[in-house]
Amino acid sequence: MYLDQKEKEEIFAKHGKNSKDTGTAEGQIALFTYRINHLTEHLKKNRKDYNTERSLVKLVGKRRSLLDYLIKKDILRYRAIIKELGLRK
């Protein structure tokens, strides 16, 4: 599997409050970004994998909704996570 428990803990430790805090918007956005990057690489090799393409679109939508929530809640946290993950907008 491409994402094991250790990698998840590292992502949440880096972007959340600690490795066990999986509920923060920043941690979830970072996890979604990791998964989106993985699925994008998969789709470059397997162009006709439409189920994965659908999953990718759903993940992008979830990440977008979390980013929209973060804009409304705290613009400084939004700008920090965008800069840290290298997302544009």
N, C-alpha and C. Protein backbone atom coordinates (compact mmCIF):
# COMPACT_ATOMS: atom_id res chain seq x y z
N MET A 1 0.84 -1.19 0.00
CA MET A 1 0.00 0.00 0.00
C MET A 1 0.88 1.25 0.00
N TYR A 2 0.44 2.26 -0.69
CA TYR A 2 1.27 3.45 -0.87
C TYR A 2 1.29 4.36 0.35
N LEU A 3 0.32 4.21 1.24
CA LEU A 3 0.24 5.10 2.40
C LEU A 3 0.02 4.27 3.65
N ASP A 4 1.08 4.10 4.43
CA ASP A 4 0.92 3.32 5.66
C ASP A 4 0.78 4.26 6.86
N GLN A 5 0.62 3.67 8.01
CA GLN A 5 0.34 4.44 9.23
C GLN A 5 1.46 5.42 9.58
N LYS A 6 2.71 4.99 9.36
CA LYS A 6 3.84 5.87 9.68
C LYS A 6 3.82 7.14 8.83
N GLU A 7 3.55 6.96 7.54
CA GLU A 7 3.52 8.13 6.65
C GLU A 7 2.39 9.08 7.03
N LYS A 8 1.23 8.51 7.40
CA LYS A 8 0.12 9.36 7.84
C LYS A 8 0.49 10.14 9.08
N GLU A 9 1.12 9.48 10.04
CA GLU A 9 1.52 10.16 11.27
C GLU A 9 2.52 11.28 10.98
N GLU A 10 3.44 11.03 10.04
CA GLU A 10 4.40 12.07 9.67
C GLU A 10 3.69 13.28 9.05
N ILE A 11 2.71 13.01 8.18
CA ILE A 11 1.98 14.11 7.55
C ILE A 11 1.24 14.91 8.60
N PHE A 12 0.55 14.22 9.52
CA PHE A 12 -0.22 14.94 10.54
C PHE A 12 0.70 15.63 11.54
N ALA A 13 1.87 15.05 11.82
CA ALA A 13 2.81 15.70 12.74
C ALA A 13 3.36 16.99 12.12
N LYS A 14 3.59 16.95 10.81
CA LYS A 14 4.17 18.11 10.14
C LYS A 14 3.14 19.23 9.94
N HIS A 15 1.91 18.86 9.59
CA HIS A 15 0.92 19.88 9.24
C HIS A 15 -0.15 20.08 10.30
N GLY A 16 -0.31 19.14 11.23
CA GLY A 16 -1.30 19.29 12.28
C GLY A 16 -0.64 19.74 13.56
N LYS A 17 -1.37 19.59 14.66
CA LYS A 17 -0.80 19.97 15.95
C LYS A 17 0.16 18.90 16.45
N ASN A 18 -0.21 17.63 16.28
CA ASN A 18 0.66 16.51 16.59
C ASN A 18 0.28 15.32 15.72
N SER A 19 0.94 14.19 15.89
CA SER A 19 0.71 13.06 14.99
C SER A 19 -0.64 12.39 15.21
N LYS A 20 -1.26 12.60 16.37
CA LYS A 20 -2.55 11.98 16.67
C LYS A 20 -3.73 12.90 16.34
N ASP A 21 -3.45 14.15 16.03
CA ASP A 21 -4.51 15.12 15.74
C ASP A 21 -4.86 15.06 14.26
N THR A 22 -5.81 14.21 13.91
CA THR A 22 -6.16 14.00 12.51
C THR A 22 -7.33 14.88 12.07
N GLY A 23 -7.85 15.69 12.95
CA GLY A 23 -9.05 16.45 12.64
C GLY A 23 -8.81 17.85 12.13
N THR A 24 -7.60 18.36 12.21
CA THR A 24 -7.36 19.72 11.76
C THR A 24 -7.50 19.81 10.24
N ALA A 25 -7.96 20.94 9.79
CA ALA A 25 -8.14 21.14 8.36
C ALA A 25 -6.80 21.06 7.63
N GLU A 26 -5.76 21.61 8.23
CA GLU A 26 -4.45 21.59 7.59
C GLU A 26 -3.93 20.17 7.40
N GLY A 27 -4.12 19.33 8.41
CA GLY A 27 -3.68 17.94 8.31
C GLY A 27 -4.45 17.18 7.25
N GLN A 28 -5.75 17.40 7.19
CA GLN A 28 -6.57 16.72 6.18
C GLN A 28 -6.23 17.20 4.78
N ILE A 29 -5.99 18.49 4.62
CA ILE A 29 -5.62 19.04 3.31
C ILE A 29 -4.29 18.44 2.87
N ALA A 30 -3.34 18.34 3.79
CA ALA A 30 -2.04 17.76 3.45
C ALA A 30 -2.18 16.29 3.05
N LEU A 31 -3.03 15.55 3.77
CA LEU A 31 -3.24 14.14 3.43
C LEU A 31 -3.91 14.01 2.07
N PHE A 32 -4.92 14.83 1.80
CA PHE A 32 -5.58 14.80 0.50
C PHE A 32 -4.59 15.15 -0.62
N THR A 33 -3.70 16.11 -0.37
CA THR A 33 -2.72 16.51 -1.37
C THR A 33 -1.77 15.35 -1.67
N TYR A 34 -1.36 14.63 -0.64
CA TYR A 34 -0.49 13.46 -0.83
C TYR A 34 -1.20 12.42 -1.68
N ARG A 35 -2.45 12.15 -1.37
CA ARG A 35 -3.22 11.15 -2.12
C ARG A 35 -3.48 11.61 -3.56
N ILE A 36 -3.76 12.90 -3.75
CA ILE A 36 -3.99 13.44 -5.09
C ILE A 36 -2.74 13.30 -5.94
N ASN A 37 -1.59 13.60 -5.36
CA ASN A 37 -0.34 13.46 -6.11
C ASN A 37 -0.09 12.01 -6.51
N HIS A 38 -0.40 11.08 -5.61
CA HIS A 38 -0.21 9.67 -5.91
C HIS A 38 -1.14 9.22 -7.04
N LEU A 39 -2.40 9.62 -6.97
CA LEU A 39 -3.36 9.22 -8.00
C LEU A 39 -3.03 9.87 -9.35
N THR A 40 -2.50 11.07 -9.32
CA THR A 40 -2.11 11.75 -10.56
C THR A 40 -1.00 10.98 -11.26
N GLU A 41 -0.01 10.53 -10.48
CA GLU A 41 1.07 9.73 -11.07
C GLU A 41 0.53 8.42 -11.62
N HIS A 42 -0.40 7.81 -10.93
CA HIS A 42 -1.00 6.56 -11.40
C HIS A 42 -1.73 6.77 -12.73
N LEU A 43 -2.46 7.87 -12.83
CA LEU A 43 -3.23 8.14 -14.05
C LEU A 43 -2.35 8.52 -15.24
N LYS A 44 -1.14 9.00 -14.97
CA LYS A 44 -0.22 9.27 -16.07
C LYS A 44 0.18 7.97 -16.77
N LYS A 45 0.26 6.90 -15.99
CA LYS A 45 0.65 5.60 -16.54
C LYS A 45 -0.56 4.83 -17.07
N ASN A 46 -1.72 4.99 -16.42
CA ASN A 46 -2.93 4.24 -16.75
C ASN A 46 -4.03 5.22 -17.14
N ARG A 47 -4.01 5.65 -18.39
CA ARG A 47 -4.92 6.71 -18.82
C ARG A 47 -6.38 6.30 -18.81
N LYS A 48 -6.67 5.02 -18.98
CA LYS A 48 -8.07 4.59 -19.11
C LYS A 48 -8.66 4.07 -17.80
N ASP A 49 -8.00 4.35 -16.69
CA ASP A 49 -8.50 3.92 -15.39
C ASP A 49 -9.52 4.95 -14.89
N TYR A 50 -10.76 4.78 -15.31
CA TYR A 50 -11.79 5.79 -15.05
C TYR A 50 -12.25 5.79 -13.60
N ASN A 51 -12.17 4.66 -12.92
CA ASN A 51 -12.55 4.63 -11.51
C ASN A 51 -11.58 5.47 -10.68
N THR A 52 -10.31 5.36 -10.97
CA THR A 52 -9.32 6.17 -10.26
C THR A 52 -9.49 7.64 -10.61
N GLU A 53 -9.84 7.91 -11.85
CA GLU A 53 -10.06 9.30 -12.26
C GLU A 53 -11.23 9.91 -11.48
N ARG A 54 -12.28 9.13 -11.28
CA ARG A 54 -13.42 9.61 -10.51
C ARG A 54 -13.03 9.85 -9.05
N SER A 55 -12.24 8.94 -8.50
CA SER A 55 -11.77 9.11 -7.12
C SER A 55 -10.92 10.38 -6.99
N LEU A 56 -10.10 10.62 -8.00
CA LEU A 56 -9.26 11.82 -7.98
C LEU A 56 -10.11 13.08 -7.99
N VAL A 57 -11.14 13.11 -8.81
CA VAL A 57 -12.01 14.28 -8.89
C VAL A 57 -12.73 14.50 -7.55
N LYS A 58 -13.16 13.41 -6.91
CA LYS A 58 -13.82 13.55 -5.61
C LYS A 58 -12.86 14.08 -4.55
N LEU A 59 -11.62 13.59 -4.56
CA LEU A 59 -10.62 14.07 -3.61
C LEU A 59 -10.32 15.55 -3.81
N VAL A 60 -10.20 15.96 -5.05
CA VAL A 60 -9.94 17.38 -5.33
C VAL A 60 -11.09 18.24 -4.81
N GLY A 61 -12.32 17.74 -4.97
CA GLY A 61 -13.48 18.48 -4.45
C GLY A 61 -13.48 18.57 -2.94
N LYS A 62 -13.11 17.48 -2.28
CA LYS A 62 -13.04 17.51 -0.81
C LYS A 62 -11.98 18.49 -0.33
N ARG A 63 -10.82 18.46 -1.01
CA ARG A 63 -9.75 19.38 -0.61
C ARG A 63 -10.18 20.82 -0.85
N ARG A 64 -10.87 21.07 -1.97
CA ARG A 64 -11.34 22.41 -2.28
C ARG A 64 -12.32 22.91 -1.23
N SER A 65 -13.22 22.02 -0.78
CA SER A 65 -14.19 22.45 0.23
C SER A 65 -13.51 22.74 1.56
N LEU A 66 -12.48 21.96 1.91
CA LEU A 66 -11.73 22.26 3.13
C LEU A 66 -10.97 23.57 3.01
N LEU A 67 -10.42 23.83 1.85
CA LEU A 67 -9.72 25.11 1.64
C LEU A 67 -10.69 26.28 1.71
N ASP A 68 -11.89 26.10 1.17
CA ASP A 68 -12.90 27.16 1.26
C ASP A 68 -13.30 27.40 2.72
N TYR A 69 -13.43 26.33 3.48
CA TYR A 69 -13.74 26.46 4.91
C TYR A 69 -12.64 27.24 5.62
N LEU A 70 -11.40 26.92 5.28
CA LEU A 70 -10.27 27.57 5.94
C LEU A 70 -10.19 29.05 5.57
N ILE A 71 -10.58 29.40 4.35
CA ILE A 71 -10.60 30.82 3.96
C ILE A 71 -11.59 31.58 4.85
N LYS A 72 -12.77 31.00 5.04
CA LYS A 72 -13.80 31.67 5.85
C LYS A 72 -13.40 31.74 7.32
N LYS A 73 -12.75 30.68 7.80
CA LYS A 73 -12.43 30.58 9.22
C LYS A 73 -11.22 31.43 9.62
N ASP A 74 -10.11 31.23 8.87
CA ASP A 74 -8.87 31.93 9.23
C ASP A 74 -7.99 32.06 7.99
N ILE A 75 -7.92 33.23 7.42
CA ILE A 75 -7.20 33.45 6.17
C ILE A 75 -5.70 33.24 6.33
N LEU A 76 -5.16 33.50 7.50
CA LEU A 76 -3.72 33.32 7.71
C LEU A 76 -3.34 31.84 7.68
N ARG A 77 -4.16 31.00 8.28
CA ARG A 77 -3.91 29.55 8.22
C ARG A 77 -4.02 29.05 6.79
N TYR A 78 -4.98 29.60 6.04
CA TYR A 78 -5.14 29.23 4.64
C TYR A 78 -3.90 29.58 3.83
N ARG A 79 -3.42 30.80 3.99
CA ARG A 79 -2.23 31.23 3.24
C ARG A 79 -1.01 30.41 3.61
N ALA A 80 -0.90 30.04 4.89
CA ALA A 80 0.24 29.25 5.33
C ALA A 80 0.22 27.85 4.71
N ILE A 81 -0.94 27.18 4.69
CA ILE A 81 -1.00 25.82 4.16
C ILE A 81 -0.82 25.84 2.64
N ILE A 82 -1.33 26.86 1.96
CA ILE A 82 -1.15 26.97 0.51
C ILE A 82 0.32 27.11 0.18
N LYS A 83 1.00 27.96 0.92
CA LYS A 83 2.42 28.17 0.68
C LYS A 83 3.25 26.93 1.01
N GLU A 84 2.90 26.27 2.10
CA GLU A 84 3.64 25.10 2.56
C GLU A 84 3.51 23.92 1.60
N LEU A 85 2.31 23.72 1.07
CA LEU A 85 2.07 22.58 0.17
C LEU A 85 2.35 22.92 -1.30
N GLY A 86 2.53 24.19 -1.60
CA GLY A 86 2.81 24.58 -2.96
C GLY A 86 1.58 24.54 -3.85
N LEU A 87 0.41 24.76 -3.25
CA LEU A 87 -0.82 24.82 -4.03
C LEU A 87 -0.99 26.23 -4.54
N ARG A 88 -1.60 26.35 -5.68
CA ARG A 88 -1.80 27.71 -6.21
C ARG A 88 -3.26 28.08 -6.12
N LYS A 89 -3.50 29.32 -6.08
CA LYS A 89 -4.78 29.98 -6.09
C LYS A 89 -4.73 31.17 -5.20
